[in-house]
Amino acid sequence: MSILATNDRQITFIFNPSTKLGRECQAYVASSDAKILAIDLTKTKIADTEWVEIAERLGRTVPELIPTDHPAFTNTYGENVKLDDDDALKVLNKNPETLVYPIAIRGEKAVMAHSFSDILKLIKPDSSDVKIP
């Protein structure tokens, strides 16, 4: 069974809560009208096949999920490192904190959030309280 949502009623949110961006994005996801499946990478491992599926949903390769120029990666693995799919899967499994940018998936849409506002692409606005003069 896949962890990925296949309908618009659920948001699958993959994040590291020890980062400010992870916490900010989590707050935005929590404000959504959708059911939330939050996957805290410090507590939950994701299978290799699911990482591949996540990357495909984002239109990326698995190595593209890891910013190899970010300190979360370079402090452990050094600079100018080229990853293939197998290497990237090993890195994600051994050091999930290298997934610096949270990922949110809702139905067929997926975003890798470089800022908390990227999450808004998956959240339906609630304008019921907005008074239009």
N, C-alpha and C. Protein backbone atom coordinates (compact mmCIF):
# COMPACT_ATOMS: atom_id res chain seq x y z
N MET A 1 0.84 -1.18 0.00
CA MET A 1 0.00 0.00 0.00
C MET A 1 0.88 1.25 0.00
N SER A 2 0.49 2.19 -0.77
CA SER A 2 1.27 3.42 -0.91
C SER A 2 0.87 4.44 0.15
N ILE A 3 1.84 5.27 0.55
CA ILE A 3 1.54 6.35 1.49
C ILE A 3 0.98 7.56 0.76
N LEU A 4 1.05 7.55 -0.55
CA LEU A 4 0.66 8.72 -1.31
C LEU A 4 -0.85 8.82 -1.47
N ALA A 5 -1.36 10.01 -1.24
CA ALA A 5 -2.78 10.25 -1.40
C ALA A 5 -3.15 10.15 -2.87
N THR A 6 -4.28 9.59 -3.13
CA THR A 6 -4.74 9.49 -4.51
C THR A 6 -6.02 10.28 -4.73
N ASN A 7 -6.45 11.01 -3.72
CA ASN A 7 -7.64 11.86 -3.88
C ASN A 7 -7.38 13.21 -3.22
N ASP A 8 -8.28 14.12 -3.47
CA ASP A 8 -8.11 15.48 -2.98
C ASP A 8 -8.52 15.68 -1.53
N ARG A 9 -8.98 14.63 -0.87
CA ARG A 9 -9.41 14.78 0.51
C ARG A 9 -8.29 14.58 1.52
N GLN A 10 -7.10 14.18 1.06
CA GLN A 10 -5.98 13.94 1.98
C GLN A 10 -4.72 14.63 1.48
N ILE A 11 -3.97 15.18 2.42
CA ILE A 11 -2.64 15.70 2.13
C ILE A 11 -1.63 14.82 2.86
N THR A 12 -0.71 14.27 2.11
CA THR A 12 0.41 13.55 2.70
C THR A 12 1.53 14.56 2.83
N PHE A 13 2.02 14.74 4.06
CA PHE A 13 3.03 15.76 4.33
C PHE A 13 4.26 15.09 4.91
N ILE A 14 5.38 15.18 4.20
CA ILE A 14 6.64 14.54 4.59
C ILE A 14 7.60 15.65 4.99
N PHE A 15 8.09 15.59 6.25
CA PHE A 15 8.86 16.72 6.75
C PHE A 15 9.77 16.33 7.91
N ASN A 16 10.65 17.26 8.23
CA ASN A 16 11.52 17.14 9.39
C ASN A 16 11.11 18.25 10.37
N PRO A 17 10.51 17.91 11.51
CA PRO A 17 10.03 18.94 12.43
C PRO A 17 11.13 19.71 13.15
N SER A 18 12.36 19.28 13.01
CA SER A 18 13.44 20.01 13.68
C SER A 18 13.88 21.24 12.87
N THR A 19 13.31 21.42 11.67
CA THR A 19 13.63 22.61 10.88
C THR A 19 12.51 23.63 10.97
N LYS A 20 12.85 24.89 10.90
CA LYS A 20 11.85 25.96 10.94
C LYS A 20 10.89 25.82 9.77
N LEU A 21 11.42 25.55 8.58
CA LEU A 21 10.58 25.42 7.40
C LEU A 21 9.60 24.25 7.56
N GLY A 22 10.06 23.15 8.11
CA GLY A 22 9.18 22.01 8.35
C GLY A 22 8.02 22.35 9.27
N ARG A 23 8.31 23.08 10.34
CA ARG A 23 7.26 23.48 11.29
C ARG A 23 6.29 24.49 10.67
N GLU A 24 6.83 25.46 9.90
CA GLU A 24 5.96 26.44 9.25
C GLU A 24 5.02 25.77 8.26
N CYS A 25 5.58 24.90 7.44
CA CYS A 25 4.75 24.21 6.45
C CYS A 25 3.72 23.32 7.13
N GLN A 26 4.11 22.68 8.23
CA GLN A 26 3.18 21.82 8.96
C GLN A 26 1.98 22.64 9.44
N ALA A 27 2.22 23.86 9.89
CA ALA A 27 1.13 24.72 10.36
C ALA A 27 0.17 25.04 9.22
N TYR A 28 0.70 25.32 8.04
CA TYR A 28 -0.16 25.60 6.89
C TYR A 28 -0.96 24.37 6.49
N VAL A 29 -0.31 23.22 6.47
CA VAL A 29 -1.01 21.98 6.12
C VAL A 29 -2.12 21.72 7.13
N ALA A 30 -1.84 21.94 8.41
CA ALA A 30 -2.84 21.71 9.46
C ALA A 30 -4.06 22.61 9.31
N SER A 31 -3.90 23.76 8.67
CA SER A 31 -5.02 24.68 8.48
C SER A 31 -5.91 24.28 7.31
N SER A 32 -5.52 23.27 6.59
CA SER A 32 -6.27 22.81 5.43
C SER A 32 -7.55 22.10 5.86
N ASP A 33 -8.50 22.04 4.94
CA ASP A 33 -9.74 21.31 5.19
C ASP A 33 -9.58 19.82 4.93
N ALA A 34 -8.42 19.40 4.47
CA ALA A 34 -8.18 18.00 4.11
C ALA A 34 -7.71 17.18 5.31
N LYS A 35 -7.89 15.89 5.21
CA LYS A 35 -7.32 14.96 6.19
C LYS A 35 -5.81 14.99 5.99
N ILE A 36 -5.05 14.92 7.08
CA ILE A 36 -3.60 15.04 7.01
C ILE A 36 -2.93 13.72 7.39
N LEU A 37 -2.01 13.28 6.56
CA LEU A 37 -1.13 12.17 6.91
C LEU A 37 0.26 12.78 7.03
N ALA A 38 0.66 13.11 8.25
CA ALA A 38 1.96 13.74 8.49
C ALA A 38 3.00 12.66 8.74
N ILE A 39 4.07 12.70 7.98
CA ILE A 39 5.16 11.73 8.12
C ILE A 39 6.39 12.47 8.61
N ASP A 40 6.69 12.29 9.87
CA ASP A 40 7.83 12.89 10.53
C ASP A 40 9.04 12.01 10.23
N LEU A 41 9.97 12.53 9.45
CA LEU A 41 11.13 11.74 9.03
C LEU A 41 12.06 11.36 10.17
N THR A 42 11.94 12.04 11.31
CA THR A 42 12.78 11.66 12.45
C THR A 42 12.23 10.42 13.15
N LYS A 43 10.99 10.04 12.83
CA LYS A 43 10.35 8.90 13.48
C LYS A 43 9.94 7.79 12.52
N THR A 44 9.75 8.12 11.26
CA THR A 44 9.21 7.17 10.30
C THR A 44 10.13 7.04 9.09
N LYS A 45 10.43 5.81 8.73
CA LYS A 45 11.23 5.54 7.53
C LYS A 45 10.28 5.37 6.34
N ILE A 46 10.72 5.80 5.20
CA ILE A 46 9.97 5.65 3.96
C ILE A 46 10.71 4.64 3.09
N ALA A 47 9.97 3.70 2.52
CA ALA A 47 10.56 2.66 1.68
C ALA A 47 11.12 3.23 0.39
N ASP A 48 12.12 2.56 -0.15
CA ASP A 48 12.75 3.01 -1.40
C ASP A 48 11.73 3.19 -2.52
N THR A 49 10.82 2.24 -2.67
CA THR A 49 9.84 2.35 -3.75
C THR A 49 8.95 3.57 -3.57
N GLU A 50 8.68 3.94 -2.31
CA GLU A 50 7.87 5.13 -2.06
C GLU A 50 8.65 6.40 -2.37
N TRP A 51 9.95 6.42 -2.07
CA TRP A 51 10.77 7.57 -2.44
C TRP A 51 10.76 7.76 -3.96
N VAL A 52 10.85 6.66 -4.68
CA VAL A 52 10.83 6.74 -6.14
C VAL A 52 9.49 7.30 -6.61
N GLU A 53 8.42 6.81 -6.02
CA GLU A 53 7.08 7.30 -6.38
C GLU A 53 6.91 8.78 -6.03
N ILE A 54 7.43 9.18 -4.90
CA ILE A 54 7.37 10.59 -4.49
C ILE A 54 8.12 11.47 -5.49
N ALA A 55 9.32 11.05 -5.84
CA ALA A 55 10.12 11.81 -6.81
C ALA A 55 9.38 11.93 -8.14
N GLU A 56 8.80 10.82 -8.60
CA GLU A 56 8.06 10.85 -9.86
C GLU A 56 6.88 11.80 -9.78
N ARG A 57 6.17 11.78 -8.67
CA ARG A 57 5.01 12.66 -8.50
C ARG A 57 5.44 14.12 -8.57
N LEU A 58 6.65 14.41 -8.09
CA LEU A 58 7.19 15.78 -8.14
C LEU A 58 7.80 16.12 -9.48
N GLY A 59 7.93 15.13 -10.37
CA GLY A 59 8.58 15.36 -11.65
C GLY A 59 10.08 15.48 -11.52
N ARG A 60 10.65 14.76 -10.56
CA ARG A 60 12.09 14.81 -10.28
C ARG A 60 12.65 13.40 -10.22
N THR A 61 13.98 13.34 -10.13
CA THR A 61 14.64 12.07 -9.85
C THR A 61 14.88 12.02 -8.34
N VAL A 62 15.18 10.84 -7.83
CA VAL A 62 15.44 10.72 -6.39
C VAL A 62 16.62 11.59 -5.96
N PRO A 63 17.74 11.62 -6.71
CA PRO A 63 18.84 12.51 -6.29
C PRO A 63 18.44 13.99 -6.23
N GLU A 64 17.46 14.39 -7.04
CA GLU A 64 17.02 15.79 -7.03
C GLU A 64 16.22 16.15 -5.79
N LEU A 65 15.86 15.18 -4.97
CA LEU A 65 15.18 15.46 -3.71
C LEU A 65 16.15 15.99 -2.66
N ILE A 66 17.43 15.74 -2.86
CA ILE A 66 18.45 16.09 -1.87
C ILE A 66 19.27 17.28 -2.38
N PRO A 67 19.21 18.42 -1.71
CA PRO A 67 20.05 19.56 -2.11
C PRO A 67 21.49 19.32 -1.63
N THR A 68 22.33 18.85 -2.53
CA THR A 68 23.70 18.46 -2.16
C THR A 68 24.59 19.65 -1.81
N ASP A 69 24.09 20.87 -2.02
CA ASP A 69 24.88 22.05 -1.63
C ASP A 69 24.44 22.61 -0.27
N HIS A 70 23.45 21.99 0.36
CA HIS A 70 22.94 22.45 1.65
C HIS A 70 23.79 21.88 2.78
N PRO A 71 24.00 22.64 3.87
CA PRO A 71 24.79 22.14 5.00
C PRO A 71 24.29 20.82 5.60
N ALA A 72 22.99 20.57 5.51
CA ALA A 72 22.46 19.31 6.03
C ALA A 72 23.08 18.12 5.30
N PHE A 73 23.49 18.34 4.06
CA PHE A 73 24.15 17.29 3.28
C PHE A 73 25.67 17.42 3.36
N THR A 74 26.18 18.62 3.11
CA THR A 74 27.64 18.80 3.02
C THR A 74 28.36 18.54 4.34
N ASN A 75 27.71 18.79 5.47
CA ASN A 75 28.35 18.53 6.76
C ASN A 75 28.64 17.05 6.98
N THR A 76 27.85 16.20 6.36
CA THR A 76 28.03 14.76 6.50
C THR A 76 28.79 14.14 5.33
N TYR A 77 28.47 14.58 4.10
CA TYR A 77 29.00 13.91 2.91
C TYR A 77 30.02 14.73 2.13
N GLY A 78 30.21 15.99 2.48
CA GLY A 78 31.17 16.81 1.76
C GLY A 78 30.54 17.55 0.60
N GLU A 79 31.38 18.28 -0.12
CA GLU A 79 30.91 19.10 -1.23
C GLU A 79 31.18 18.42 -2.56
N ASN A 80 30.47 18.88 -3.59
CA ASN A 80 30.65 18.39 -4.97
C ASN A 80 30.43 16.88 -5.09
N VAL A 81 29.42 16.39 -4.40
CA VAL A 81 29.09 14.96 -4.44
C VAL A 81 28.00 14.75 -5.47
N LYS A 82 28.18 13.78 -6.35
CA LYS A 82 27.18 13.41 -7.34
C LYS A 82 26.52 12.12 -6.87
N LEU A 83 25.19 12.12 -6.82
CA LEU A 83 24.45 10.96 -6.36
C LEU A 83 23.72 10.29 -7.53
N ASP A 84 23.75 8.96 -7.55
CA ASP A 84 22.86 8.25 -8.46
C ASP A 84 21.64 7.84 -7.65
N ASP A 85 20.70 7.15 -8.28
CA ASP A 85 19.46 6.79 -7.57
C ASP A 85 19.73 5.94 -6.33
N ASP A 86 20.60 4.94 -6.45
CA ASP A 86 20.89 4.06 -5.31
C ASP A 86 21.55 4.83 -4.17
N ASP A 87 22.50 5.69 -4.51
CA ASP A 87 23.17 6.50 -3.48
C ASP A 87 22.17 7.40 -2.76
N ALA A 88 21.29 8.04 -3.53
CA ALA A 88 20.31 8.97 -2.95
C ALA A 88 19.35 8.23 -2.02
N LEU A 89 18.94 7.04 -2.40
CA LEU A 89 18.05 6.26 -1.53
C LEU A 89 18.75 5.88 -0.23
N LYS A 90 20.02 5.53 -0.31
CA LYS A 90 20.78 5.21 0.90
C LYS A 90 20.91 6.43 1.80
N VAL A 91 21.18 7.59 1.21
CA VAL A 91 21.30 8.83 1.98
C VAL A 91 19.97 9.15 2.67
N LEU A 92 18.87 9.08 1.94
CA LEU A 92 17.56 9.38 2.51
C LEU A 92 17.20 8.43 3.65
N ASN A 93 17.59 7.17 3.52
CA ASN A 93 17.28 6.20 4.56
C ASN A 93 18.18 6.34 5.79
N LYS A 94 19.45 6.64 5.56
CA LYS A 94 20.40 6.74 6.67
C LYS A 94 20.36 8.12 7.33
N ASN A 95 20.19 9.16 6.54
CA ASN A 95 20.18 10.54 7.04
C ASN A 95 18.98 11.30 6.45
N PRO A 96 17.78 11.03 6.96
CA PRO A 96 16.59 11.68 6.39
C PRO A 96 16.58 13.20 6.54
N GLU A 97 17.42 13.73 7.42
CA GLU A 97 17.49 15.19 7.56
C GLU A 97 18.05 15.87 6.32
N THR A 98 18.61 15.08 5.38
CA THR A 98 19.09 15.66 4.13
C THR A 98 17.94 16.06 3.21
N LEU A 99 16.73 15.58 3.51
CA LEU A 99 15.55 16.07 2.80
C LEU A 99 15.17 17.39 3.48
N VAL A 100 15.76 18.45 3.00
CA VAL A 100 15.65 19.76 3.64
C VAL A 100 14.28 20.39 3.41
N TYR A 101 13.72 20.16 2.23
CA TYR A 101 12.48 20.82 1.85
C TYR A 101 11.30 19.85 2.02
N PRO A 102 10.32 20.23 2.83
CA PRO A 102 9.15 19.37 3.04
C PRO A 102 8.43 19.10 1.73
N ILE A 103 7.76 17.97 1.69
CA ILE A 103 7.00 17.57 0.51
C ILE A 103 5.55 17.39 0.93
N ALA A 104 4.64 17.94 0.13
CA ALA A 104 3.21 17.78 0.35
C ALA A 104 2.58 17.24 -0.92
N ILE A 105 1.69 16.26 -0.74
CA ILE A 105 1.03 15.62 -1.88
C ILE A 105 -0.46 15.61 -1.60
N ARG A 106 -1.21 16.08 -2.59
CA ARG A 106 -2.67 16.07 -2.48
C ARG A 106 -3.22 15.65 -3.83
N GLY A 107 -3.86 14.49 -3.87
CA GLY A 107 -4.37 13.98 -5.13
C GLY A 107 -3.23 13.77 -6.11
N GLU A 108 -3.36 14.35 -7.28
CA GLU A 108 -2.32 14.22 -8.30
C GLU A 108 -1.26 15.32 -8.22
N LYS A 109 -1.47 16.29 -7.32
CA LYS A 109 -0.53 17.41 -7.19
C LYS A 109 0.47 17.14 -6.08
N ALA A 110 1.69 17.60 -6.30
CA ALA A 110 2.74 17.47 -5.29
C ALA A 110 3.63 18.70 -5.35
N VAL A 111 4.11 19.13 -4.19
CA VAL A 111 5.05 20.25 -4.13
C VAL A 111 6.18 19.93 -3.16
N MET A 112 7.34 20.42 -3.51
CA MET A 112 8.47 20.41 -2.60
C MET A 112 8.61 21.86 -2.16
N ALA A 113 8.35 22.11 -0.89
CA ALA A 113 8.24 23.47 -0.39
C ALA A 113 9.61 24.08 -0.08
N HIS A 114 9.99 25.07 -0.85
CA HIS A 114 11.21 25.84 -0.57
C HIS A 114 10.89 27.03 0.32
N SER A 115 9.59 27.35 0.43
CA SER A 115 9.11 28.33 1.40
C SER A 115 7.71 27.88 1.80
N PHE A 116 7.25 28.36 2.95
CA PHE A 116 5.95 27.91 3.43
C PHE A 116 4.81 28.25 2.47
N SER A 117 4.99 29.29 1.68
CA SER A 117 3.93 29.68 0.75
C SER A 117 3.73 28.65 -0.38
N ASP A 118 4.71 27.80 -0.62
CA ASP A 118 4.55 26.76 -1.64
C ASP A 118 3.44 25.79 -1.27
N ILE A 119 3.18 25.62 0.01
CA ILE A 119 2.13 24.72 0.49
C ILE A 119 0.76 25.23 0.06
N LEU A 120 0.63 26.54 -0.10
CA LEU A 120 -0.66 27.11 -0.48
C LEU A 120 -1.17 26.60 -1.82
N LYS A 121 -0.29 26.07 -2.65
CA LYS A 121 -0.70 25.51 -3.95
C LYS A 121 -1.62 24.31 -3.78
N LEU A 122 -1.57 23.68 -2.60
CA LEU A 122 -2.39 22.49 -2.35
C LEU A 122 -3.57 22.74 -1.43
N ILE A 123 -3.65 23.93 -0.88
CA ILE A 123 -4.71 24.24 0.09
C ILE A 123 -5.77 25.08 -0.60
N LYS A 124 -7.00 24.61 -0.49
CA LYS A 124 -8.12 25.35 -1.08
C LYS A 124 -8.44 26.55 -0.19
N PRO A 125 -8.52 27.73 -0.77
CA PRO A 125 -8.83 28.89 0.06
C PRO A 125 -10.26 28.83 0.60
N ASP A 126 -10.42 29.28 1.81
CA ASP A 126 -11.73 29.35 2.43
C ASP A 126 -12.13 30.81 2.49
N SER A 127 -13.01 31.19 1.60
CA SER A 127 -13.38 32.60 1.54
C SER A 127 -14.75 32.86 2.16
N SER A 128 -15.27 31.91 2.92
CA SER A 128 -16.60 32.07 3.51
C SER A 128 -16.66 33.22 4.51
N ASP A 129 -15.53 33.53 5.15
CA ASP A 129 -15.52 34.60 6.14
C ASP A 129 -15.15 35.95 5.53
N VAL A 130 -14.85 35.99 4.27
CA VAL A 130 -14.43 37.23 3.62
C VAL A 130 -15.66 38.02 3.23
N LYS A 131 -15.71 39.26 3.69
CA LYS A 131 -16.84 40.15 3.36
C LYS A 131 -16.42 41.03 2.19
N ILE A 132 -17.15 40.91 1.10
CA ILE A 132 -16.85 41.70 -0.09
C ILE A 132 -17.83 42.86 -0.14
N PRO A 133 -17.30 44.10 -0.11
CA PRO A 133 -18.19 45.27 -0.10
C PRO A 133 -18.89 45.47 -1.43
